[in-house]
Amino acid sequence: MERRVVDTRPLRPLGAAMLGVAVAWPILPVHLPPCPLLSLTGVPCPFCGATRSVVALVQGDPMTSLLWNPLGLLSALVAVALLVGWVLKRGPARLAVPVWLPLAAVGATWVYNLTLNPNF
């Protein structure tokens, strides 16, 4: 099974930024542009609802987070794990990830958005 080694060091500040924006989201006067695929075709992409999912999770509502997009919950958990490893100076700087894993996560999320997601 092929594994790709991912250097997690550049992802740590991105995880911090993602969680920081999610915490500040309610007071920011920011409106994201709509998803291009959803706007053009009416079909939600695998990432539709992920931002709202992370915001709901940071605001303490994990069930709403899961309803919006499970990928948002997963990305927030990965971001927290990366940040904890960064702060504690522990955890691998490199992580071996099976190539199929990110593809399977995106594919499963797209199937969820197309079939079960009550928001689309």
Protein backbone atom coordinates (compact mmCIF):
# COMPACT_ATOMS: atom_id res chain seq x y z
CA MET A 1 0.00 0.00 0.00
CA GLU A 2 1.44 3.33 -1.04
CA ARG A 3 1.85 5.99 1.62
CA ARG A 4 2.70 9.60 1.12
CA VAL A 5 4.72 11.35 3.79
CA VAL A 6 3.22 14.72 4.66
CA ASP A 7 5.23 17.40 6.40
CA THR A 8 2.82 18.79 9.02
CA ARG A 9 4.87 21.85 9.96
CA PRO A 10 3.30 24.19 7.33
CA LEU A 11 -0.17 22.94 8.30
CA ARG A 12 0.12 24.03 11.93
CA PRO A 13 -0.23 27.81 11.34
CA LEU A 14 -3.03 27.11 8.87
CA GLY A 15 -4.87 25.10 11.51
CA ALA A 16 -4.43 27.93 14.00
CA ALA A 17 -5.74 30.45 11.47
CA MET A 18 -8.75 28.26 10.63
CA LEU A 19 -9.73 27.88 14.28
CA GLY A 20 -9.08 31.57 14.98
CA VAL A 21 -11.34 32.68 12.15
CA ALA A 22 -14.03 30.26 13.30
CA VAL A 23 -13.92 31.72 16.81
CA ALA A 24 -14.13 35.31 15.48
CA TRP A 25 -16.67 34.49 12.76
CA PRO A 26 -19.77 35.81 14.58
CA ILE A 27 -18.25 39.30 14.90
CA LEU A 28 -16.61 39.52 11.47
CA PRO A 29 -18.50 41.33 8.70
CA VAL A 30 -17.35 38.74 6.16
CA HIS A 31 -19.50 37.07 3.56
CA LEU A 32 -17.88 34.28 1.64
CA PRO A 33 -18.74 33.91 -2.01
CA PRO A 34 -21.08 31.00 -2.69
CA CYS A 35 -19.71 27.68 -3.87
CA PRO A 36 -19.20 27.92 -7.65
CA LEU A 37 -20.34 24.34 -8.31
CA LEU A 38 -23.48 24.76 -6.20
CA SER A 39 -24.24 28.13 -7.79
CA LEU A 40 -23.79 26.90 -11.37
CA THR A 41 -25.29 23.42 -11.17
CA GLY A 42 -27.26 23.18 -7.93
CA VAL A 43 -25.02 20.24 -6.95
CA PRO A 44 -23.11 20.69 -3.68
CA CYS A 45 -19.38 20.03 -3.81
CA PRO A 46 -17.65 17.83 -1.19
CA PHE A 47 -16.62 20.94 0.75
CA CYS A 48 -20.02 22.69 0.80
CA GLY A 49 -20.90 23.52 4.39
CA ALA A 50 -17.40 22.87 5.78
CA THR A 51 -16.90 26.47 6.92
CA ARG A 52 -20.26 26.54 8.67
CA SER A 53 -19.41 23.14 10.14
CA VAL A 54 -16.19 24.42 11.74
CA VAL A 55 -17.93 27.56 13.02
CA ALA A 56 -20.70 25.46 14.60
CA LEU A 57 -18.13 23.18 16.23
CA VAL A 58 -16.12 26.09 17.65
CA GLN A 59 -19.35 27.58 19.02
CA GLY A 60 -19.99 24.32 20.86
CA ASP A 61 -22.57 22.66 18.63
CA PRO A 62 -21.04 19.38 17.36
CA MET A 63 -24.34 17.94 16.07
CA THR A 64 -24.97 20.95 13.82
CA SER A 65 -21.34 20.71 12.76
CA LEU A 66 -21.86 17.11 11.66
CA LEU A 67 -25.05 18.02 9.82
CA TRP A 68 -23.36 20.78 7.83
CA ASN A 69 -20.38 18.70 6.73
CA PRO A 70 -18.47 15.91 8.51
CA LEU A 71 -15.30 17.07 6.74
CA GLY A 72 -15.46 20.31 8.76
CA LEU A 73 -15.46 18.36 12.01
CA LEU A 74 -12.61 16.17 10.78
CA SER A 75 -10.53 19.16 9.67
CA ALA A 76 -11.08 20.92 13.01
CA LEU A 77 -9.99 17.81 14.92
CA VAL A 78 -6.87 17.50 12.75
CA ALA A 79 -6.13 21.20 13.29
CA VAL A 80 -6.42 20.83 17.06
CA ALA A 81 -4.18 17.74 17.03
CA LEU A 82 -1.57 19.60 14.97
CA LEU A 83 -1.70 22.60 17.31
CA VAL A 84 -1.40 20.48 20.45
CA GLY A 85 1.63 18.73 18.95
CA TRP A 86 3.09 22.11 18.02
CA VAL A 87 2.58 23.67 21.45
CA LEU A 88 3.86 20.63 23.33
CA LYS A 89 6.73 20.16 20.87
CA ARG A 90 5.60 16.58 20.50
CA GLY A 91 4.04 14.66 17.71
CA PRO A 92 5.53 13.88 14.37
CA ALA A 93 6.68 16.65 12.09
CA ARG A 94 6.06 14.17 9.30
CA LEU A 95 3.08 11.90 9.02
CA ALA A 96 2.66 8.91 6.71
CA VAL A 97 -0.82 8.98 5.16
CA PRO A 98 -2.19 6.30 2.84
CA VAL A 99 -2.87 7.90 -0.54
CA TRP A 100 -6.43 6.59 -0.62
CA LEU A 101 -7.41 8.10 2.75
CA PRO A 102 -7.90 11.77 1.71
CA LEU A 103 -9.59 10.66 -1.50
CA ALA A 104 -11.96 8.39 0.41
CA ALA A 105 -12.79 11.17 2.89
CA VAL A 106 -13.61 13.64 0.12
CA GLY A 107 -15.60 11.00 -1.79
CA ALA A 108 -17.60 9.98 1.27
CA THR A 109 -18.36 13.62 2.06
CA TRP A 110 -19.56 14.24 -1.47
CA VAL A 111 -21.88 11.23 -1.28
CA TYR A 112 -23.16 12.56 2.05
CA ASN A 113 -23.78 16.03 0.58
CA LEU A 114 -25.58 14.58 -2.44
CA THR A 115 -27.78 12.13 -0.55
CA LEU A 116 -28.15 12.67 3.20
CA ASN A 117 -27.24 16.28 3.96
CA PRO A 118 -30.45 18.08 5.00
CA ASN A 119 -28.96 21.48 4.13
CA PHE A 120 -28.77 20.93 0.37
